[in-house]
């Protein structure tokens, strides 16, 4: 009796585990073998799709048939044997070589011309079915992507919500993923050291194991976490509708670190002003070093004439700058009043900001349309189109993020935080730790450069406006306006200062936290016009006794100046006619005033 193989197949492992197709195929083949008196010596079961070549079980069976280990093979249907024409061609070569192939569900005589033609037609139909199915699947896949939905499994930190629904952040894993992005964005970790941090904070992959270096790199470079979908196979990028875990700015910074545009350095010495100061001549960063118990910052360029600056000198210079930038209690009170007045017009300002963002978003979408036209006209190839499309989508996401931030916390709210810091700048700096001091320096200055032995400080906004607040002009004095209205004049001056600060205020950095201020304040009773000079002079005295002497001498001077000002105010008030008892008019001589 001739001996045959039996071959059964389903497309997926799930169908093989939960379905009954394999059982039904085997039963049909056994009935066919019993009816035709054929003996099956071995069964070949496979759970792979036949749309592509490379099925291991099918390939092993063909090799055995080529070696004449059996007379032929029994298969349920033609589409169970092959759904691509290459596998069908291999099977046809075996038929031509004399190997018997029987199909239990189809009464085909493959040794005849008509039977072979019928089998070839069915094989072509099976291959066409796969092509049509693949095309329809692709349409559905890209349809979901254009809707902003990710039709694949959710990445780490997100949860699947079913077909046609956006992924949602996992309450347990999403905060840990956000922490991983923040740690790497700080520039203090390499991928390997960050992998150790994952173990410490308890972040695992979906199988419960540790995250590999390759998996960590893929996670950090996946724009899904900032609200975009990118297909690695094609490089295509789509705007997503799910809630992002990290901001676009933070994601872009991480990409710069991954690409080597931002160096990750191991921190060996935690100098207070490390990487904050540059040489004014060669623009290189000053390097901190400790000599004889003192910290110095040195320019290491050989040909540069800049030498060193001591850390104590830097702090003293910064204290002088902080004294000029800090608001007096009177100025702080007026600033809060003016800021509250500006907040009444917040809705108008918000509408104007939203209109500006809308124009920028419309411009970005217009550029996207022009980019698509360039692709259709053949001016760009697909790779260049996808690269520029990804950049435009990142820019659009950044603008939408800024628009949402401006809606939630407008410039007035951010400026109020700055003013609270400016009210107690010196005490906040003194009471902060080294990290807090660095945050204050980074917040209040945009550049620290050393020229010779002199440290040049460039304030950042809005502290640049605070330092220059005494030169804010309010126009010439009018002949008919008394000069005694100092409070009104100061309020007008502070109002213009607030307007300048709101205009120049940069976007809020969500990672920055203003350090808490100390309750101690010096100089609360001093005149605003000389307050900055007083603070700068007073900061030079480190001994308590010397400061008490300075305060006593200063109070005596302030009392004298106050007495002179009061006398001058009374004299102007009499001239303006505001004193009913001592008023002097042009029509009455001085000696006739009663």
Protein backbone atom coordinates (compact mmCIF):
# COMPACT_ATOMS: atom_id res chain seq x y z
CA UNK A 1 0.00 0.00 0.00
CA UNK A 2 1.22 3.43 -0.90
CA UNK A 3 2.17 5.80 1.92
CA UNK A 4 1.20 9.48 2.13
CA UNK A 5 1.64 12.53 4.29
CA UNK A 6 -1.26 14.50 5.73
CA UNK A 7 -0.95 18.34 5.80
CA UNK A 8 -3.31 20.66 7.73
CA UNK A 9 -2.88 24.38 8.30
CA UNK A 10 -4.44 27.49 9.92
CA UNK A 11 -3.23 31.06 9.55
CA UNK A 12 -2.62 31.99 13.22
CA UNK A 13 -1.72 30.31 16.48
CA UNK A 14 -4.96 31.60 18.01
CA UNK A 15 -7.01 29.77 15.38
CA UNK A 16 -5.09 26.60 16.12
CA UNK A 17 -5.68 26.90 19.88
CA UNK A 18 -9.30 28.09 20.05
CA UNK A 19 -10.68 27.11 16.63
CA UNK A 20 -11.87 23.77 15.20
CA UNK A 21 -10.48 24.17 11.68
CA UNK A 22 -7.54 21.81 12.24
CA UNK A 23 -9.85 19.12 13.58
CA UNK A 24 -12.27 19.49 10.67
CA UNK A 25 -9.44 19.40 8.10
CA UNK A 26 -7.96 16.25 9.63
CA UNK A 27 -11.35 14.51 9.75
CA UNK A 28 -12.06 15.32 6.07
CA UNK A 29 -8.62 14.02 5.01
CA UNK A 30 -9.09 10.80 7.01
CA UNK A 31 -12.48 10.17 5.38
CA UNK A 32 -10.95 10.77 1.94
CA UNK A 33 -8.05 8.40 2.72
CA UNK A 34 -10.44 5.67 3.90
CA UNK A 35 -12.61 6.05 0.82
CA UNK A 36 -9.67 5.89 -1.61
CA UNK A 37 -7.73 3.27 0.37
CA UNK A 38 -4.69 5.53 1.07
CA UNK A 39 -2.40 5.14 4.12
CA UNK A 40 -1.24 8.24 6.03
CA UNK A 41 2.09 7.63 7.75
CA UNK A 42 2.75 11.15 9.19
CA UNK A 43 0.81 14.32 9.87
CA UNK A 44 2.22 17.81 9.29
CA UNK A 45 0.39 20.53 11.26
CA UNK A 46 1.18 24.22 10.73
CA UNK A 47 -0.08 27.47 12.21
CA UNK A 48 1.36 29.98 9.76
CA UNK A 49 -0.10 32.15 7.03
CA UNK A 50 0.37 30.90 3.47
CA UNK A 51 0.48 34.42 2.04
CA UNK A 52 4.29 34.47 2.32
CA UNK A 53 6.99 31.92 1.65
CA UNK A 54 9.10 30.36 4.36
CA UNK A 55 6.65 28.12 6.27
CA UNK A 56 9.00 25.75 8.17
CA UNK A 57 6.66 22.72 8.37
CA UNK A 58 5.58 23.00 4.72
CA UNK A 59 9.21 23.38 3.59
CA UNK A 60 10.31 20.32 5.58
CA UNK A 61 7.47 18.25 4.06
CA UNK A 62 8.45 19.29 0.51
CA UNK A 63 12.07 18.28 1.17
CA UNK A 64 10.96 14.84 2.36
CA UNK A 65 8.80 14.43 -0.75
CA UNK A 66 11.75 15.35 -2.95
CA UNK A 67 13.72 12.57 -1.25
CA UNK A 68 10.86 10.13 -2.01
CA UNK A 69 10.18 9.39 1.67
CA UNK A 70 6.48 9.10 0.75
CA UNK A 71 4.43 8.65 -2.39
CA UNK A 72 2.45 11.85 -1.99
CA UNK A 73 0.50 14.19 0.29
CA UNK A 74 -3.16 14.66 1.19
CA UNK A 75 -4.40 18.25 1.70
CA UNK A 76 -7.89 19.49 2.51
CA UNK A 77 -8.09 22.34 -0.08
CA UNK A 78 -5.81 24.11 -2.51
CA UNK A 79 -5.79 27.30 -0.38
CA UNK A 80 -4.53 25.20 2.59
CA UNK A 81 -1.43 24.30 0.59
CA UNK A 82 -0.48 27.69 -0.86
CA UNK A 83 -1.80 31.24 -1.09
CA UNK A 84 1.18 32.55 -3.03
CA UNK A 85 2.16 31.50 -6.51
CA UNK A 86 5.76 30.61 -5.61
CA UNK A 87 4.74 27.89 -3.16
CA UNK A 88 2.21 26.62 -5.70
CA UNK A 89 4.98 26.49 -8.32
CA UNK A 90 7.12 24.36 -5.96
CA UNK A 91 4.19 22.04 -5.43
CA UNK A 92 3.64 21.90 -9.23
CA UNK A 93 7.27 20.82 -9.75
CA UNK A 94 6.69 17.88 -7.41
CA UNK A 95 3.53 16.96 -9.33
CA UNK A 96 5.51 17.02 -12.57
CA UNK A 97 8.14 14.80 -10.92
CA UNK A 98 5.51 12.13 -10.15
CA UNK A 99 4.60 13.01 -6.56
CA UNK A 100 0.87 12.46 -5.95
CA UNK A 101 -1.04 15.44 -4.51
CA UNK A 102 -4.66 14.87 -3.46
CA UNK A 103 -7.17 17.46 -2.29
CA UNK A 104 -9.91 15.98 -0.10
CA UNK A 105 -12.49 18.69 -0.80
CA UNK A 106 -11.84 18.94 -4.54
CA UNK A 107 -12.13 15.99 -6.96
CA UNK A 108 -9.30 17.09 -9.24
CA UNK A 109 -7.18 14.85 -11.45
CA UNK A 110 -3.86 16.69 -11.47
CA UNK A 111 -2.44 14.26 -14.03
CA UNK A 112 -4.89 15.52 -16.65
CA UNK A 113 -4.66 18.80 -18.51
CA UNK A 114 -8.14 19.96 -17.44
CA UNK A 115 -7.64 19.05 -13.79
CA UNK A 116 -4.28 20.82 -13.68
CA UNK A 117 -5.80 23.93 -15.30
CA UNK A 118 -8.63 23.95 -12.77
CA UNK A 119 -6.13 23.64 -9.90
CA UNK A 120 -3.99 26.46 -11.31
CA UNK A 121 -7.04 28.73 -11.55
CA UNK A 122 -8.00 28.01 -7.94
CA UNK A 123 -4.43 28.73 -6.82
CA UNK A 124 -4.49 32.08 -8.65
CA UNK A 125 -7.85 32.90 -7.04
CA UNK A 126 -6.38 32.06 -3.59
CA UNK A 127 -3.39 34.35 -4.22
CA UNK A 128 -5.67 37.13 -5.45
CA UNK A 129 -7.78 36.77 -2.32
CA UNK A 130 -4.70 37.42 -0.20
CA UNK A 131 -3.76 40.48 -2.28
CA UNK A 132 -7.27 41.90 -1.92
CA UNK A 133 -7.32 41.14 1.81
CA UNK A 134 -3.94 42.83 2.26
CA UNK A 135 -5.14 45.91 0.40
CA UNK A 136 -8.33 46.19 2.45
CA UNK A 137 -6.36 45.70 5.66
CA UNK A 138 -3.96 48.44 4.61
CA UNK A 139 -6.87 50.81 3.90
CA UNK A 140 -8.31 50.18 7.34
CA UNK A 141 -4.89 50.54 8.97
CA UNK A 142 -4.16 53.89 7.34
CA UNK A 143 -7.74 55.02 7.92
CA UNK A 144 -7.19 54.62 11.66
CA UNK A 145 -3.85 56.43 11.46
CA UNK A 146 -5.43 59.39 9.66
CA UNK A 147 -8.02 59.53 12.44
CA UNK A 148 -5.17 59.80 14.94
CA UNK A 149 -5.68 56.27 16.31
CA UNK A 150 -2.90 53.73 16.74
CA UNK A 151 -4.20 50.38 15.42
CA UNK A 152 -1.38 48.33 16.98
CA UNK A 153 -0.65 47.30 20.55
CA UNK A 154 -0.18 50.20 22.98
CA UNK A 155 3.44 50.98 23.92
CA UNK A 156 4.69 50.82 27.48
CA UNK A 157 2.87 53.38 29.63
CA UNK A 158 -0.44 53.21 27.71
CA UNK A 159 -3.47 50.92 27.78
CA UNK A 160 -5.52 49.54 24.89
CA UNK A 161 -9.18 50.53 24.94
CA UNK A 162 -10.40 48.41 22.04
CA UNK A 163 -10.83 48.99 18.34
CA UNK A 164 -11.64 52.52 17.22
CA UNK A 165 -10.61 54.09 20.56
CA UNK A 166 -7.53 56.08 21.54
CA UNK A 167 -4.92 54.69 23.89
CA UNK A 168 -5.05 56.01 27.45
CA UNK A 169 -2.14 56.54 29.87
CA UNK A 170 -1.71 53.72 32.35
CA UNK A 171 -2.26 55.08 35.89
CA UNK A 172 0.61 52.97 37.20
CA UNK A 173 3.18 52.97 34.40
CA UNK A 174 2.64 56.43 32.82
CA UNK A 175 4.13 58.42 35.78
CA UNK A 176 7.16 56.11 35.75
CA UNK A 177 7.64 56.57 32.00
CA UNK A 178 7.41 60.36 32.48
CA UNK A 179 10.08 60.09 35.19
CA UNK A 180 12.35 58.17 32.79
CA UNK A 181 12.05 60.93 30.17
CA UNK A 182 12.75 63.63 32.79
CA UNK A 183 15.82 61.80 34.10
CA UNK A 184 17.33 61.39 30.65
CA UNK A 185 16.46 64.96 29.63
CA UNK A 186 18.46 66.24 32.62
CA UNK A 187 21.65 65.15 30.84
CA UNK A 188 22.96 63.39 33.94
CA UNK A 189 22.34 59.82 32.77
CA UNK A 190 23.55 57.54 30.04
CA UNK A 191 21.33 54.77 28.72
CA UNK A 192 23.11 52.23 30.90
CA UNK A 193 22.86 54.27 34.10
CA UNK A 194 19.24 55.05 33.25
CA UNK A 195 18.61 51.31 32.93
CA UNK A 196 19.70 50.93 36.55
CA UNK A 197 17.26 53.71 37.51
CA UNK A 198 14.42 51.78 35.85
CA UNK A 199 15.06 48.89 38.20
CA UNK A 200 15.12 51.25 41.17
CA UNK A 201 11.80 52.97 40.36
CA UNK A 202 10.16 49.66 39.42
CA UNK A 203 9.43 50.13 35.71
CA UNK A 204 9.16 46.80 33.86
CA UNK A 205 8.26 45.79 30.34
CA UNK A 206 4.88 44.28 29.50
CA UNK A 207 6.14 40.76 30.20
CA UNK A 208 7.28 41.76 33.68
CA UNK A 209 10.99 41.62 32.88
CA UNK A 210 13.66 44.31 32.87
CA UNK A 211 13.83 46.73 29.93
CA UNK A 212 16.81 46.15 27.65
CA UNK A 213 19.08 48.91 26.35
CA UNK A 214 17.57 48.56 22.89
CA UNK A 215 14.04 48.73 24.31
CA UNK A 216 14.95 51.81 26.37
CA UNK A 217 16.43 53.55 23.31
CA UNK A 218 13.30 52.78 21.27
CA UNK A 219 11.07 54.12 24.02
CA UNK A 220 12.99 57.39 24.30
CA UNK A 221 12.93 57.88 20.51
CA UNK A 222 9.23 57.03 20.10
CA UNK A 223 7.23 60.22 19.35
CA UNK A 224 4.05 58.43 20.47
CA UNK A 225 4.76 59.74 23.97
CA UNK A 226 4.53 63.39 22.80
CA UNK A 227 1.37 62.93 20.71
CA UNK A 228 2.62 61.71 17.31
CA UNK A 229 2.54 58.33 15.56
CA UNK A 230 5.57 57.29 13.50
CA UNK A 231 5.82 54.06 11.54
CA UNK A 232 9.36 52.70 11.76
CA UNK A 233 8.98 50.61 8.60
CA UNK A 234 8.03 53.50 6.31
CA UNK A 235 9.07 56.58 8.34
CA UNK A 236 5.56 58.07 8.00
CA UNK A 237 4.30 60.37 10.75
CA UNK A 238 0.71 61.09 11.79
CA UNK A 239 -0.94 63.39 14.33
CA UNK A 240 -2.43 61.38 17.19
CA UNK A 241 -5.45 62.06 19.41
CA UNK A 242 -4.27 60.26 22.55
CA UNK A 243 -3.06 62.17 25.61
CA UNK A 244 0.73 62.74 25.51
CA UNK A 245 2.90 61.85 28.49
CA UNK A 246 5.81 64.24 27.76
CA UNK A 247 6.00 67.67 26.15
CA UNK A 248 7.26 68.26 22.63
CA UNK A 249 10.14 70.43 23.90
CA UNK A 250 11.31 67.69 26.26
CA UNK A 251 11.06 65.05 23.53
CA UNK A 252 13.11 67.18 21.12
CA UNK A 253 15.78 67.71 23.77
CA UNK A 254 16.00 63.95 24.31
CA UNK A 255 16.43 63.40 20.57
CA UNK A 256 19.36 65.83 20.61
CA UNK A 257 20.93 63.85 23.45
CA UNK A 258 20.40 60.55 21.65
CA UNK A 259 21.93 61.93 18.44
CA UNK A 260 24.98 63.21 20.30
CA UNK A 261 24.14 66.91 19.85
CA UNK A 262 23.97 67.32 23.61
CA UNK A 263 26.73 65.59 25.51
CA UNK A 264 25.90 63.54 28.60
CA UNK A 265 28.64 64.08 31.15
CA UNK A 266 29.31 62.26 34.37
CA UNK A 267 29.18 64.76 37.25
CA UNK A 268 32.29 64.41 39.39
CA UNK A 269 32.41 67.79 41.14
CA UNK A 270 29.20 69.61 42.00
CA UNK A 271 30.59 73.14 41.71
CA UNK A 272 27.94 75.79 42.35
CA UNK A 273 28.36 77.65 39.01
CA UNK A 274 29.43 74.74 36.82
CA UNK A 275 28.65 75.25 33.11
CA UNK A 276 26.99 78.60 33.87
CA UNK A 277 29.87 80.97 33.04
CA UNK A 278 31.72 81.54 29.78
CA UNK A 279 34.83 83.42 28.80
CA UNK A 280 33.89 86.70 27.12
CA UNK A 281 36.86 86.44 24.74
CA UNK A 282 36.90 82.82 23.54
CA UNK A 283 33.27 81.89 24.49
CA UNK A 284 34.40 78.64 26.12
CA UNK A 285 32.85 77.43 29.38
CA UNK A 286 34.84 78.15 32.54
CA UNK A 287 35.93 74.99 34.36
CA UNK A 288 35.69 74.79 38.15
CA UNK A 289 38.60 73.56 40.24
CA UNK A 290 39.59 73.67 43.89
CA UNK A 291 42.93 75.19 44.92
CA UNK A 292 44.05 75.70 48.55
CA UNK A 293 40.53 75.19 49.86
CA UNK A 294 38.90 77.73 47.50
CA UNK A 295 36.94 77.15 44.31
CA UNK A 296 38.12 78.92 41.15
CA UNK A 297 36.66 78.98 37.65
CA UNK A 298 39.34 78.97 34.95
CA UNK A 299 39.41 79.41 31.19
CA UNK A 300 41.51 76.54 29.82
CA UNK A 301 42.14 78.05 26.39
CA UNK A 302 45.90 78.50 26.18
CA UNK A 303 45.96 81.64 24.04
CA UNK A 304 43.12 83.32 25.99
CA UNK A 305 44.22 86.14 28.36
CA UNK A 306 41.33 85.40 30.74
CA UNK A 307 42.69 83.68 33.85
CA UNK A 308 40.48 82.77 36.82
CA UNK A 309 37.73 84.11 39.05
CA UNK A 310 37.06 83.04 42.60
CA UNK A 311 33.64 81.62 43.48
CA UNK A 312 33.22 84.11 46.33
CA UNK A 313 33.74 86.97 43.86
CA UNK A 314 31.07 85.52 41.56
CA UNK A 315 28.61 85.28 44.46
CA UNK A 316 29.34 88.84 45.54
CA UNK A 317 28.74 90.11 42.00
CA UNK A 318 25.51 88.14 41.80
CA UNK A 319 24.38 89.62 45.11
CA UNK A 320 24.89 93.09 43.69
CA UNK A 321 22.82 92.18 40.65
CA UNK A 322 20.12 90.68 42.89
CA UNK A 323 20.08 93.86 44.96
CA UNK A 324 19.38 95.91 41.83
CA UNK A 325 16.73 93.48 40.59
CA UNK A 326 14.90 92.99 43.90
CA UNK A 327 11.75 95.04 44.42
CA UNK A 328 11.27 97.20 47.48
CA UNK A 329 8.14 96.58 49.59
CA UNK A 330 6.58 99.75 48.16
CA UNK A 331 7.38 98.68 44.61
CA UNK A 332 6.07 95.17 45.26
CA UNK A 333 2.79 96.56 46.56
CA UNK A 334 2.37 98.80 43.54
CA UNK A 335 3.36 95.96 41.20
CA UNK A 336 0.72 93.66 42.67
CA UNK A 337 -1.91 96.39 42.30
CA UNK A 338 -0.94 97.03 38.68
CA UNK A 339 -0.87 93.31 37.95
CA UNK A 340 -4.37 92.88 39.32
CA UNK A 341 -5.50 95.68 37.02
CA UNK A 342 -3.92 93.89 34.06
CA UNK A 343 -5.63 90.63 35.02
CA UNK A 344 -9.01 92.25 34.49
CA UNK A 345 -8.17 92.39 30.81
CA UNK A 346 -6.93 88.79 30.73
CA UNK A 347 -9.74 87.56 28.50
CA UNK A 348 -8.90 90.13 25.83
CA UNK A 349 -5.23 89.25 25.99
CA UNK A 350 -6.04 85.56 25.84
CA UNK A 351 -8.12 86.03 22.72
CA UNK A 352 -5.28 87.96 21.11
CA UNK A 353 -2.79 85.22 22.01
CA UNK A 354 -5.10 82.54 20.69
CA UNK A 355 -5.51 84.49 17.45
CA UNK A 356 -1.73 84.64 17.09
CA UNK A 357 -1.38 80.90 17.68
CA UNK A 358 -4.21 80.24 15.22
CA UNK A 359 -2.36 82.19 12.53
CA UNK A 360 0.84 80.23 13.18
CA UNK A 361 -1.06 76.94 13.07
CA UNK A 362 -2.77 77.96 9.82
CA UNK A 363 0.65 78.78 8.35
CA UNK A 364 1.99 75.36 9.39
CA UNK A 365 -0.99 73.60 7.80
CA UNK A 366 -0.54 75.68 4.65
CA UNK A 367 3.07 74.56 4.45
CA UNK A 368 1.88 70.98 4.87
CA UNK A 369 -0.46 71.43 1.89
CA UNK A 370 2.35 72.88 -0.22
CA UNK A 371 4.57 69.98 0.81
CA UNK A 372 1.90 67.52 -0.34
CA UNK A 373 1.57 69.36 -3.66
CA UNK A 374 5.34 69.15 -4.13
CA UNK A 375 5.15 65.37 -3.61
CA UNK A 376 2.30 65.01 -6.10
CA UNK A 377 4.13 67.15 -8.65
CA UNK A 378 7.25 65.01 -8.36
CA UNK A 379 9.40 67.78 -6.87
CA UNK A 380 10.09 65.70 -3.74
CA UNK A 381 10.69 62.01 -3.26
CA UNK A 382 8.85 60.01 -0.61
CA UNK A 383 11.77 59.95 1.87
CA UNK A 384 12.24 63.76 1.80
CA UNK A 385 8.48 64.24 2.06
CA UNK A 386 8.18 62.06 5.17
CA UNK A 387 11.17 63.77 6.83
CA UNK A 388 9.72 67.26 6.29
CA UNK A 389 6.25 66.08 7.21
CA UNK A 390 7.55 64.79 10.54
CA UNK A 391 9.21 68.15 11.27
CA UNK A 392 6.02 70.05 10.43
CA UNK A 393 3.92 67.78 12.64
CA UNK A 394 6.35 68.34 15.51
CA UNK A 395 6.11 72.10 14.97
CA UNK A 396 2.31 71.92 14.89
CA UNK A 397 2.25 69.87 18.10
CA UNK A 398 4.58 72.42 19.73
CA UNK A 399 2.29 75.32 18.75
CA UNK A 400 -0.79 73.50 20.01
CA UNK A 401 1.01 72.78 23.27
CA UNK A 402 1.95 76.44 23.68
CA UNK A 403 -1.61 77.50 22.89
CA UNK A 404 -2.94 75.15 25.57
CA UNK A 405 -0.36 76.43 28.05
CA UNK A 406 -1.32 80.04 27.30
CA UNK A 407 -4.95 79.16 27.94
CA UNK A 408 -4.32 77.47 31.26
CA UNK A 409 -1.79 79.95 32.67
CA UNK A 410 -1.45 83.28 30.94
CA UNK A 411 1.44 85.71 31.10
CA UNK A 412 -0.01 87.57 34.08
CA UNK A 413 -0.08 84.41 36.20
CA UNK A 414 3.52 83.56 35.30
CA UNK A 415 4.59 87.13 35.91
CA UNK A 416 3.05 87.00 39.37
CA UNK A 417 5.33 84.08 40.22
CA UNK A 418 8.31 86.09 38.95
CA UNK A 419 7.30 89.10 41.02
CA UNK A 420 7.03 86.99 44.15
CA UNK A 421 10.58 85.80 43.53
CA UNK A 422 11.75 89.36 42.80
CA UNK A 423 10.24 90.57 46.09
CA UNK A 424 12.49 88.27 48.12
CA UNK A 425 15.28 87.50 45.66
CA UNK A 426 18.21 87.86 48.06
CA UNK A 427 16.68 85.91 50.93
CA UNK A 428 15.48 83.18 48.54
CA UNK A 429 18.99 82.83 47.18
CA UNK A 430 20.58 82.79 50.67
CA UNK A 431 18.17 80.18 52.05
CA UNK A 432 18.32 77.86 49.02
CA UNK A 433 20.62 74.87 48.63
CA UNK A 434 23.12 74.63 45.77
CA UNK A 435 20.55 73.29 43.30
CA UNK A 436 18.11 76.02 44.30
CA UNK A 437 20.78 78.69 43.86
CA UNK A 438 21.58 77.36 40.40
CA UNK A 439 17.89 77.48 39.47
CA UNK A 440 17.66 81.09 40.62
CA UNK A 441 20.77 82.05 38.62
CA UNK A 442 19.46 80.27 35.52
CA UNK A 443 16.09 81.98 35.95
CA UNK A 444 17.36 85.51 36.49
CA UNK A 445 20.30 85.61 34.06
CA UNK A 446 20.74 84.70 30.43
CA UNK A 447 24.54 84.94 30.29
CA UNK A 448 27.45 85.09 32.71
CA UNK A 449 30.73 86.00 31.01
CA UNK A 450 34.15 86.74 32.47
CA UNK A 451 36.22 89.51 30.92
CA UNK A 452 39.58 89.73 32.65
CA UNK A 453 38.64 89.76 36.31
CA UNK A 454 35.22 91.38 35.80
CA UNK A 455 32.08 89.24 35.68
CA UNK A 456 29.53 90.58 33.20
CA UNK A 457 25.91 89.62 33.93
CA UNK A 458 23.20 89.73 31.28
CA UNK A 459 19.77 89.56 32.97
CA UNK A 460 16.99 87.50 31.45
CA UNK A 461 13.43 88.69 31.09
CA UNK A 462 11.61 89.85 33.09
CA UNK A 463 14.54 90.63 35.39
CA UNK A 464 16.15 92.80 32.72
CA UNK A 465 13.15 95.11 33.01
CA UNK A 466 13.42 95.00 36.81
CA UNK A 467 17.09 96.02 36.75
CA UNK A 468 16.30 98.92 34.39
CA UNK A 469 13.08 99.92 36.14
CA UNK A 470 14.53 103.22 37.38
CA UNK A 471 15.06 104.41 33.80
CA UNK A 472 11.43 103.76 32.75
CA UNK A 473 10.15 107.14 31.63
CA UNK A 474 6.65 108.38 32.17
CA UNK A 475 6.82 111.58 30.13
CA UNK A 476 7.64 115.19 31.03
CA UNK A 477 6.06 116.93 33.99
CA UNK A 478 3.13 119.10 33.05
CA UNK A 479 3.06 122.76 34.16
CA UNK A 480 -0.44 122.41 35.64
CA UNK A 481 0.26 119.11 37.46
CA UNK A 482 1.64 119.33 41.03
CA UNK A 483 4.90 117.46 41.58
CA UNK A 484 3.74 116.11 44.95
CA UNK A 485 1.82 113.20 43.42
CA UNK A 486 4.71 110.77 43.91
CA UNK A 487 2.48 107.76 44.58
CA UNK A 488 0.57 108.27 41.35
CA UNK A 489 3.82 108.80 39.45
CA UNK A 490 5.33 105.62 40.90
CA UNK A 491 2.15 103.69 40.09
CA UNK A 492 2.33 104.88 36.50
CA UNK A 493 5.97 103.91 36.36
CA UNK A 494 5.32 100.44 37.80
CA UNK A 495 2.40 100.03 35.40
CA UNK A 496 4.66 100.63 32.42
CA UNK A 497 7.19 98.24 33.96
CA UNK A 498 4.51 95.53 34.25
CA UNK A 499 3.52 96.06 30.60
CA UNK A 500 7.15 95.70 29.52
CA UNK A 501 7.63 92.56 31.58
CA UNK A 502 4.45 90.93 30.23
CA UNK A 503 5.53 91.70 26.66
CA UNK A 504 9.03 90.29 27.09
CA UNK A 505 8.15 87.37 29.40
CA UNK A 506 9.35 84.08 27.86
CA UNK A 507 7.30 80.89 27.75
CA UNK A 508 7.03 79.09 31.06
CA UNK A 509 9.32 76.12 31.58
CA UNK A 510 7.17 73.40 33.22
CA UNK A 511 10.25 71.79 34.77
CA UNK A 512 11.23 74.96 36.69
CA UNK A 513 10.04 75.54 40.25
CA UNK A 514 10.66 78.88 41.96
CA UNK A 515 12.43 78.24 45.28
CA UNK A 516 10.57 79.18 48.43
CA UNK A 517 11.43 82.60 49.82
CA UNK A 518 12.65 83.28 53.32
CA UNK A 519 10.53 85.44 55.60
CA UNK A 520 13.48 87.67 56.48
CA UNK A 521 13.86 90.86 54.48
CA UNK A 522 16.31 93.69 54.86
CA UNK A 523 15.79 97.29 53.99
CA UNK A 524 11.98 97.32 54.25
CA UNK A 525 11.97 100.90 55.53
CA UNK A 526 14.39 102.47 53.03
CA UNK A 527 13.63 104.80 50.17
CA UNK A 528 13.09 103.01 46.83
CA UNK A 529 15.37 105.31 44.87
CA UNK A 530 18.45 104.30 46.87
CA UNK A 531 17.32 100.85 47.96
CA UNK A 532 19.32 98.92 45.35
CA UNK A 533 22.52 100.78 46.27
CA UNK A 534 21.87 100.13 49.95
CA UNK A 535 21.44 96.42 49.44
CA UNK A 536 24.55 96.15 47.31
CA UNK A 537 26.62 98.05 49.89
CA UNK A 538 25.17 96.16 52.84
CA UNK A 539 25.91 92.75 51.26
CA UNK A 540 29.63 93.57 51.44
CA UNK A 541 29.53 93.50 55.27
CA UNK A 542 29.73 89.93 56.57
CA UNK A 543 30.30 90.78 60.26
CA UNK A 544 27.16 91.33 62.38
CA UNK A 545 28.64 94.30 64.26
CA UNK A 546 29.68 96.01 61.05
CA UNK A 547 26.18 95.58 59.63
CA UNK A 548 24.62 97.13 62.76
CA UNK A 549 26.89 100.19 62.45
CA UNK A 550 26.04 100.44 58.76
CA UNK A 551 22.30 100.25 59.52
CA UNK A 552 22.56 102.92 62.21
CA UNK A 553 24.45 105.32 59.94
CA UNK A 554 22.06 104.59 57.13
CA UNK A 555 18.99 105.23 59.29
CA UNK A 556 20.40 108.59 60.35
CA UNK A 557 20.96 109.53 56.70
CA UNK A 558 17.46 108.38 55.72
CA UNK A 559 15.90 110.44 58.52
CA UNK A 560 17.75 113.53 57.35
CA UNK A 561 16.73 112.99 53.74
CA UNK A 562 13.11 112.38 54.78
CA UNK A 563 13.07 115.64 56.72
CA UNK A 564 14.40 117.54 53.71
CA UNK A 565 11.81 115.92 51.45
CA UNK A 566 8.97 116.77 53.84
CA UNK A 567 10.07 120.40 53.92
CA UNK A 568 10.25 120.54 50.13
CA UNK A 569 6.80 118.94 49.82
CA UNK A 570 5.29 121.53 52.16
CA UNK A 571 6.88 124.33 50.17
CA UNK A 572 5.48 123.01 46.88
CA UNK A 573 2.09 122.43 48.47
CA UNK A 574 1.91 126.05 49.60
CA UNK A 575 2.86 127.24 46.13
CA UNK A 576 0.25 125.00 44.48
CA UNK A 577 -2.46 126.30 46.75
CA UNK A 578 -3.22 123.01 48.45
CA UNK A 579 -2.79 124.46 51.97
CA UNK A 580 -5.83 126.67 52.74
CA UNK A 581 -4.09 128.49 55.56
CA UNK A 582 -0.76 129.22 53.88
CA UNK A 583 -1.75 129.42 50.23
CA UNK A 584 0.11 131.95 48.14
CA UNK A 585 -1.56 133.19 44.96
CA UNK A 586 -0.40 135.45 42.16
CA UNK A 587 -3.00 138.05 43.11
CA UNK A 588 -1.99 138.39 46.79
CA UNK A 589 1.44 139.51 47.98
CA UNK A 590 3.37 137.35 50.46
CA UNK A 591 3.24 140.00 53.22
CA UNK A 592 -0.56 140.18 53.05
CA UNK A 593 -1.22 136.50 53.61
CA UNK A 594 -3.12 136.02 56.85
